[in-house]
Amino acid sequence: MPFLKDFFEQFRQPSGFWGRVAGKMMSMTTGERNEWTLALLDIQPGDRVLEVGYGPGVGIEKAVSLVQEGEVVGLDASETMRSQAEKRNRRAISEGKVRLLSGKIEEWPGFEVPFDKIYSVNSAQFWPDRPLVLKKLFQWLGPGGRVATTYQQIGKNVEDPSAFADRLTSELAQAGFVQIRREYRQFKGGTAVCVIAHKPVNG
């Protein structure tokens, strides 16, 4: 049905009324995936953390609870999601613990200070040029930094988690990452895979 197809496109880059509806749906369903992903990153209190594709800001909210002395930064292509995420994280933003940015990651120029951890949850499948994005993430990480990319198969006619992880593993290696591994977990609605990789200490 055309309507359903158009609505599901809102999860790629939410906008307008239906984008806000999609954001509300994400806020009710992504909490466990975000917690799992963050746990696999072993975030420390002083880390600088970046989330790519923060959506309604649930992951940002959970990340900032783990970072007492560092900073959590979010980058998302949707202004609609930035508005929702800012409301959810208003206090942390006012305290200088969170900074939310909007823009396409493929076009983002970079950051002056490197990150210790970078993660994304159900975002990487929407990156038009994922190898380019992974090279950017490699550059934005400090030596020894980690990246975690979580993908859950939702709906029909989408890529199997293992197949997605295979392609992502190859792309991460090509970008320069090492110690690449994957973890699986069953969530409501389907199996999720998280691929974790490291930037070399001398990278």
C-alpha atoms as a PDB file:
ATOM      1  CA  MET A   1       0.000   0.000   0.000  1.00  0.00           C
ATOM      2  CA  PRO A   2       1.427   3.420  -0.975  1.00  0.00           C
ATOM      3  CA  PHE A   3       0.540   4.978   2.384  1.00  0.00           C
ATOM      4  CA  LEU A   4       2.385   2.323   4.375  1.00  0.00           C
ATOM      5  CA  LYS A   5       5.411   2.586   2.094  1.00  0.00           C
ATOM      6  CA  ASP A   6       5.472   6.365   2.545  1.00  0.00           C
ATOM      7  CA  PHE A   7       5.085   6.024   6.310  1.00  0.00           C
ATOM      8  CA  PHE A   8       7.926   3.523   6.666  1.00  0.00           C
ATOM      9  CA  GLU A   9      10.123   5.957   4.727  1.00  0.00           C
ATOM     10  CA  GLN A  10       9.719   8.270   7.731  1.00  0.00           C
ATOM     11  CA  PHE A  11      12.080   5.998   9.670  1.00  0.00           C
ATOM     12  CA  ARG A  12      14.810   6.901   7.166  1.00  0.00           C
ATOM     13  CA  GLN A  13      14.528  10.677   7.647  1.00  0.00           C
ATOM     14  CA  PRO A  14      11.470  11.733   9.680  1.00  0.00           C
ATOM     15  CA  SER A  15       9.774  15.010   8.812  1.00  0.00           C
ATOM     16  CA  GLY A  16       6.467  16.745   9.405  1.00  0.00           C
ATOM     17  CA  PHE A  17       3.490  15.234  11.203  1.00  0.00           C
ATOM     18  CA  TRP A  18       4.156  11.604  10.235  1.00  0.00           C
ATOM     19  CA  GLY A  19       7.792  12.057  11.099  1.00  0.00           C
ATOM     20  CA  ARG A  20       6.787  13.070  14.611  1.00  0.00           C
ATOM     21  CA  VAL A  21       4.542  10.004  14.819  1.00  0.00           C
ATOM     22  CA  ALA A  22       7.446   7.801  13.692  1.00  0.00           C
ATOM     23  CA  GLY A  23       9.632   9.412  16.351  1.00  0.00           C
ATOM     24  CA  LYS A  24       7.093   8.637  19.071  1.00  0.00           C
ATOM     25  CA  MET A  25       6.979   5.018  17.914  1.00  0.00           C
ATOM     26  CA  MET A  26      10.773   4.793  17.985  1.00  0.00           C
ATOM     27  CA  SER A  27      10.917   6.246  21.475  1.00  0.00           C
ATOM     28  CA  MET A  28       8.687   3.417  22.726  1.00  0.00           C
ATOM     29  CA  THR A  29      10.573   0.579  21.016  1.00  0.00           C
ATOM     30  CA  THR A  30      14.297   1.401  20.878  1.00  0.00           C
ATOM     31  CA  GLY A  31      15.199   1.542  24.569  1.00  0.00           C
ATOM     32  CA  GLU A  32      16.399  -2.038  24.970  1.00  0.00           C
ATOM     33  CA  ARG A  33      18.430  -1.967  21.740  1.00  0.00           C
ATOM     34  CA  ASN A  34      20.153   1.214  22.856  1.00  0.00           C
ATOM     35  CA  GLU A  35      20.956  -0.160  26.316  1.00  0.00           C
ATOM     36  CA  TRP A  36      22.390  -3.334  24.785  1.00  0.00           C
ATOM     37  CA  THR A  37      24.520  -1.400  22.301  1.00  0.00           C
ATOM     38  CA  LEU A  38      25.895   0.934  24.962  1.00  0.00           C
ATOM     39  CA  ALA A  39      26.739  -2.008  27.234  1.00  0.00           C
ATOM     40  CA  LEU A  40      28.807  -3.570  24.447  1.00  0.00           C
ATOM     41  CA  LEU A  41      30.811  -0.336  24.139  1.00  0.00           C
ATOM     42  CA  ASP A  42      31.961  -0.390  27.779  1.00  0.00           C
ATOM     43  CA  ILE A  43      31.489   3.369  28.159  1.00  0.00           C
ATOM     44  CA  GLN A  44      33.560   5.048  30.864  1.00  0.00           C
ATOM     45  CA  PRO A  45      32.594   8.156  32.900  1.00  0.00           C
ATOM     46  CA  GLY A  46      35.064  10.421  31.105  1.00  0.00           C
ATOM     47  CA  ASP A  47      34.357   9.270  27.537  1.00  0.00           C
ATOM     48  CA  ARG A  48      33.347  11.484  24.646  1.00  0.00           C
ATOM     49  CA  VAL A  49      30.540   9.612  22.887  1.00  0.00           C
ATOM     50  CA  LEU A  50      28.902  10.171  19.505  1.00  0.00           C
ATOM     51  CA  GLU A  51      25.575   8.705  18.385  1.00  0.00           C
ATOM     52  CA  VAL A  52      24.889   8.763  14.655  1.00  0.00           C
ATOM     53  CA  GLY A  53      21.162   8.843  13.937  1.00  0.00           C
ATOM     54  CA  TYR A  54      19.884   9.651  17.424  1.00  0.00           C
ATOM     55  CA  GLY A  55      16.194   9.821  16.433  1.00  0.00           C
ATOM     56  CA  PRO A  56      13.967  10.866  19.352  1.00  0.00           C
ATOM     57  CA  GLY A  57      16.990  10.886  21.702  1.00  0.00           C
ATOM     58  CA  VAL A  58      16.385   7.727  23.739  1.00  0.00           C
ATOM     59  CA  GLY A  59      19.938   6.501  23.210  1.00  0.00           C
ATOM     60  CA  ILE A  60      21.351   9.927  24.033  1.00  0.00           C
ATOM     61  CA  GLU A  61      19.421   9.921  27.309  1.00  0.00           C
ATOM     62  CA  LYS A  62      20.793   6.501  28.223  1.00  0.00           C
ATOM     63  CA  ALA A  63      24.349   7.368  27.167  1.00  0.00           C
ATOM     64  CA  VAL A  64      24.491  10.520  29.261  1.00  0.00           C
ATOM     65  CA  SER A  65      23.591   8.507  32.362  1.00  0.00           C
ATOM     66  CA  LEU A  66      26.877   6.627  31.839  1.00  0.00           C
ATOM     67  CA  VAL A  67      29.034   9.684  31.152  1.00  0.00           C
ATOM     68  CA  GLN A  68      29.469  11.883  34.190  1.00  0.00           C
ATOM     69  CA  GLU A  69      32.615  13.763  33.188  1.00  0.00           C
ATOM     70  CA  GLY A  70      32.647  13.486  29.399  1.00  0.00           C
ATOM     71  CA  GLU A  71      30.232  14.584  26.685  1.00  0.00           C
ATOM     72  CA  VAL A  72      27.562  12.976  24.508  1.00  0.00           C
ATOM     73  CA  VAL A  73      27.130  14.333  20.980  1.00  0.00           C
ATOM     74  CA  GLY A  74      24.405  13.358  18.541  1.00  0.00           C
ATOM     75  CA  LEU A  75      24.206  13.793  14.765  1.00  0.00           C
ATOM     76  CA  ASP A  76      20.952  13.167  12.895  1.00  0.00           C
ATOM     77  CA  ALA A  77      19.723  14.148   9.436  1.00  0.00           C
ATOM     78  CA  SER A  78      16.242  15.067  10.709  1.00  0.00           C
ATOM     79  CA  GLU A  79      15.316  18.415  12.257  1.00  0.00           C
ATOM     80  CA  THR A  80      12.074  16.792  13.427  1.00  0.00           C
ATOM     81  CA  MET A  81      14.058  14.260  15.451  1.00  0.00           C
ATOM     82  CA  ARG A  82      16.347  16.972  16.795  1.00  0.00           C
ATOM     83  CA  SER A  83      13.311  18.752  18.224  1.00  0.00           C
ATOM     84  CA  GLN A  84      12.067  15.611  19.973  1.00  0.00           C
ATOM     85  CA  ALA A  85      15.552  14.701  21.228  1.00  0.00           C
ATOM     86  CA  GLU A  86      16.116  18.192  22.609  1.00  0.00           C
ATOM     87  CA  LYS A  87      12.901  17.996  24.620  1.00  0.00           C
ATOM     88  CA  ARG A  88      13.868  14.591  26.018  1.00  0.00           C
ATOM     89  CA  ASN A  89      17.385  15.743  26.953  1.00  0.00           C
ATOM     90  CA  ARG A  90      16.670  19.357  27.879  1.00  0.00           C
ATOM     91  CA  ARG A  91      18.349  19.212  31.282  1.00  0.00           C
ATOM     92  CA  ALA A  92      21.509  17.474  30.072  1.00  0.00           C
ATOM     93  CA  ILE A  93      21.820  20.014  27.249  1.00  0.00           C
ATOM     94  CA  SER A  94      21.494  22.925  29.670  1.00  0.00           C
ATOM     95  CA  GLU A  95      24.198  21.352  31.852  1.00  0.00           C
ATOM     96  CA  GLY A  96      26.553  21.088  28.890  1.00  0.00           C
ATOM     97  CA  LYS A  97      26.615  17.282  28.914  1.00  0.00           C
ATOM     98  CA  VAL A  98      24.803  16.822  25.581  1.00  0.00           C
ATOM     99  CA  ARG A  99      25.144  18.515  22.201  1.00  0.00           C
ATOM    100  CA  LEU A 100      22.690  17.662  19.418  1.00  0.00           C
ATOM    101  CA  LEU A 101      23.459  18.433  15.777  1.00  0.00           C
ATOM    102  CA  SER A 102      21.423  18.014  12.608  1.00  0.00           C
ATOM    103  CA  GLY A 103      22.873  17.239   9.199  1.00  0.00           C
ATOM    104  CA  LYS A 104      23.713  14.404   6.832  1.00  0.00           C
ATOM    105  CA  ILE A 105      26.687  12.423   8.050  1.00  0.00           C
ATOM    106  CA  GLU A 106      28.020  12.036   4.502  1.00  0.00           C
ATOM    107  CA  GLU A 107      28.336  15.834   4.320  1.00  0.00           C
ATOM    108  CA  TRP A 108      29.454  16.532   7.892  1.00  0.00           C
ATOM    109  CA  PRO A 109      32.920  18.171   7.926  1.00  0.00           C
ATOM    110  CA  GLY A 110      34.147  16.593  11.149  1.00  0.00           C
ATOM    111  CA  PHE A 111      34.904  17.341  14.804  1.00  0.00           C
ATOM    112  CA  GLU A 112      37.857  19.117  16.390  1.00  0.00           C
ATOM    113  CA  VAL A 113      38.090  16.741  19.374  1.00  0.00           C
ATOM    114  CA  PRO A 114      38.120  12.943  18.788  1.00  0.00           C
ATOM    115  CA  PHE A 115      35.610  10.565  20.346  1.00  0.00           C
ATOM    116  CA  ASP A 116      36.262   7.535  22.528  1.00  0.00           C
ATOM    117  CA  LYS A 117      33.102   5.687  21.461  1.00  0.00           C
ATOM    118  CA  ILE A 118      30.752   5.999  18.476  1.00  0.00           C
ATOM    119  CA  TYR A 119      27.530   4.053  17.998  1.00  0.00           C
ATOM    120  CA  SER A 120      24.409   3.814  15.885  1.00  0.00           C
ATOM    121  CA  VAL A 121      21.195   1.823  16.259  1.00  0.00           C
ATOM    122  CA  ASN A 122      19.155   0.946  13.153  1.00  0.00           C
ATOM    123  CA  SER A 123      20.752   3.783  11.246  1.00  0.00           C
ATOM    124  CA  ALA A 124      23.581   2.296   9.180  1.00  0.00           C
ATOM    125  CA  GLN A 125      21.249   0.579   6.724  1.00  0.00           C
ATOM    126  CA  PHE A 126      20.066   4.027   5.625  1.00  0.00           C
ATOM    127  CA  TRP A 127      23.519   5.484   4.884  1.00  0.00           C
ATOM    128  CA  PRO A 128      23.687   5.907   1.073  1.00  0.00           C
ATOM    129  CA  ASP A 129      27.478   5.563   1.060  1.00  0.00           C
ATOM    130  CA  ARG A 130      28.316   3.446   4.091  1.00  0.00           C
ATOM    131  CA  PRO A 131      32.009   2.889   3.246  1.00  0.00           C
ATOM    132  CA  LEU A 132      32.466   6.676   3.175  1.00  0.00           C
ATOM    133  CA  VAL A 133      30.678   7.050   6.522  1.00  0.00           C
ATOM    134  CA  LEU A 134      32.815   4.350   8.143  1.00  0.00           C
ATOM    135  CA  LYS A 135      35.977   6.104   6.980  1.00  0.00           C
ATOM    136  CA  LYS A 136      34.666   9.285   8.608  1.00  0.00           C
ATOM    137  CA  LEU A 137      33.941   7.454  11.861  1.00  0.00           C
ATOM    138  CA  PHE A 138      37.467   6.023  11.800  1.00  0.00           C
ATOM    139  CA  GLN A 139      38.858   9.554  11.483  1.00  0.00           C
ATOM    140  CA  TRP A 140      36.622  10.891  14.260  1.00  0.00           C
ATOM    141  CA  LEU A 141      37.710   8.242  16.783  1.00  0.00           C
ATOM    142  CA  GLY A 142      40.767   8.638  18.943  1.00  0.00           C
ATOM    143  CA  PRO A 143      43.415   5.880  18.982  1.00  0.00           C
ATOM    144  CA  GLY A 144      41.982   2.736  20.561  1.00  0.00           C
ATOM    145  CA  GLY A 145      38.422   4.028  20.215  1.00  0.00           C
ATOM    146  CA  ARG A 146      35.455   1.755  19.538  1.00  0.00           C
ATOM    147  CA  VAL A 147      32.479   1.813  17.215  1.00  0.00           C
ATOM    148  CA  ALA A 148      29.289  -0.243  17.640  1.00  0.00           C
ATOM    149  CA  THR A 149      26.664  -0.592  14.921  1.00  0.00           C
ATOM    150  CA  THR A 150      23.367  -2.306  15.747  1.00  0.00           C
ATOM    151  CA  TYR A 151      20.911  -3.525  13.127  1.00  0.00           C
ATOM    152  CA  GLN A 152      17.583  -5.245  13.661  1.00  0.00           C
ATOM    153  CA  GLN A 153      15.593  -6.842  10.883  1.00  0.00           C
ATOM    154  CA  ILE A 154      12.177  -5.171  11.015  1.00  0.00           C
ATOM    155  CA  GLY A 155       9.446  -5.956   8.514  1.00  0.00           C
ATOM    156  CA  LYS A 156       9.550  -8.029   5.353  1.00  0.00           C
ATOM    157  CA  ASN A 157      11.948  -7.887   2.420  1.00  0.00           C
ATOM    158  CA  VAL A 158      14.834  -6.490   4.460  1.00  0.00           C
ATOM    159  CA  GLU A 159      18.341  -7.841   4.849  1.00  0.00           C
ATOM    160  CA  ASP A 160      19.026 -10.765   7.165  1.00  0.00           C
ATOM    161  CA  PRO A 161      21.083  -9.706  10.240  1.00  0.00           C
ATOM    162  CA  SER A 162      23.918 -12.129   9.471  1.00  0.00           C
ATOM    163  CA  ALA A 163      24.163 -10.977   5.861  1.00  0.00           C
ATOM    164  CA  PHE A 164      24.171  -7.355   6.999  1.00  0.00           C
ATOM    165  CA  ALA A 165      26.888  -8.118   9.562  1.00  0.00           C
ATOM    166  CA  ASP A 166      29.003  -9.844   6.911  1.00  0.00           C
ATOM    167  CA  ARG A 167      28.928  -6.812   4.633  1.00  0.00           C
ATOM    168  CA  LEU A 168      29.495  -4.389   7.504  1.00  0.00           C
ATOM    169  CA  THR A 169      32.458  -6.390   8.797  1.00  0.00           C
ATOM    170  CA  SER A 170      34.125  -6.207   5.389  1.00  0.00           C
ATOM    171  CA  GLU A 171      33.462  -2.465   5.130  1.00  0.00           C
ATOM    172  CA  LEU A 172      34.821  -1.811   8.625  1.00  0.00           C
ATOM    173  CA  ALA A 173      38.021  -3.693   7.805  1.00  0.00           C
ATOM    174  CA  GLN A 174      38.433  -1.693   4.615  1.00  0.00           C
ATOM    175  CA  ALA A 175      38.041   1.519   6.630  1.00  0.00           C
ATOM    176  CA  GLY A 176      40.929   0.472   8.900  1.00  0.00           C
ATOM    177  CA  PHE A 177      39.140  -1.024  11.905  1.00  0.00           C
ATOM    178  CA  VAL A 178      40.483  -4.090  13.714  1.00  0.00           C
ATOM    179  CA  GLN A 179      39.269  -6.611  16.338  1.00  0.00           C
ATOM    180  CA  ILE A 180      35.892  -6.765  14.617  1.00  0.00           C
ATOM    181  CA  ARG A 181      33.309  -9.002  16.278  1.00  0.00           C
ATOM    182  CA  ARG A 182      29.563  -9.386  16.398  1.00  0.00           C
ATOM    183  CA  GLU A 183      26.911 -10.095  19.024  1.00  0.00           C
ATOM    184  CA  TYR A 184      23.329 -11.257  18.513  1.00  0.00           C
ATOM    185  CA  ARG A 185      20.258 -10.758  20.664  1.00  0.00           C
ATOM    186  CA  GLN A 186      16.585 -11.520  20.244  1.00  0.00           C
ATOM    187  CA  PHE A 187      14.230  -8.579  20.730  1.00  0.00           C
ATOM    188  CA  LYS A 188      10.520  -8.216  20.234  1.00  0.00           C
ATOM    189  CA  GLY A 189      10.044  -8.090  16.502  1.00  0.00           C
ATOM    190  CA  GLY A 190      13.200  -9.916  15.479  1.00  0.00           C
ATOM    191  CA  THR A 191      16.882 -10.659  15.894  1.00  0.00           C
ATOM    192  CA  ALA A 192      19.391  -7.834  16.234  1.00  0.00           C
ATOM    193  CA  VAL A 193      23.105  -7.911  15.509  1.00  0.00           C
ATOM    194  CA  CYS A 194      25.697  -5.511  16.863  1.00  0.00           C
ATOM    195  CA  VAL A 195      29.073  -5.298  15.134  1.00  0.00           C
ATOM    196  CA  ILE A 196      31.815  -3.869  17.348  1.00  0.00           C
ATOM    197  CA  ALA A 197      35.170  -2.723  16.001  1.00  0.00           C
ATOM    198  CA  HIS A 198      38.265  -0.914  17.288  1.00  0.00           C
ATOM    199  CA  LYS A 199      40.550   1.736  15.906  1.00  0.00           C
ATOM    200  CA  PRO A 200      44.177   0.646  16.359  1.00  0.00           C
ATOM    201  CA  VAL A 201      46.010   2.281  19.248  1.00  0.00           C
ATOM    202  CA  ASN A 202      48.595   3.504  16.767  1.00  0.00           C
ATOM    203  CA  GLY A 203      45.939   4.405  14.186  1.00  0.00           C
END
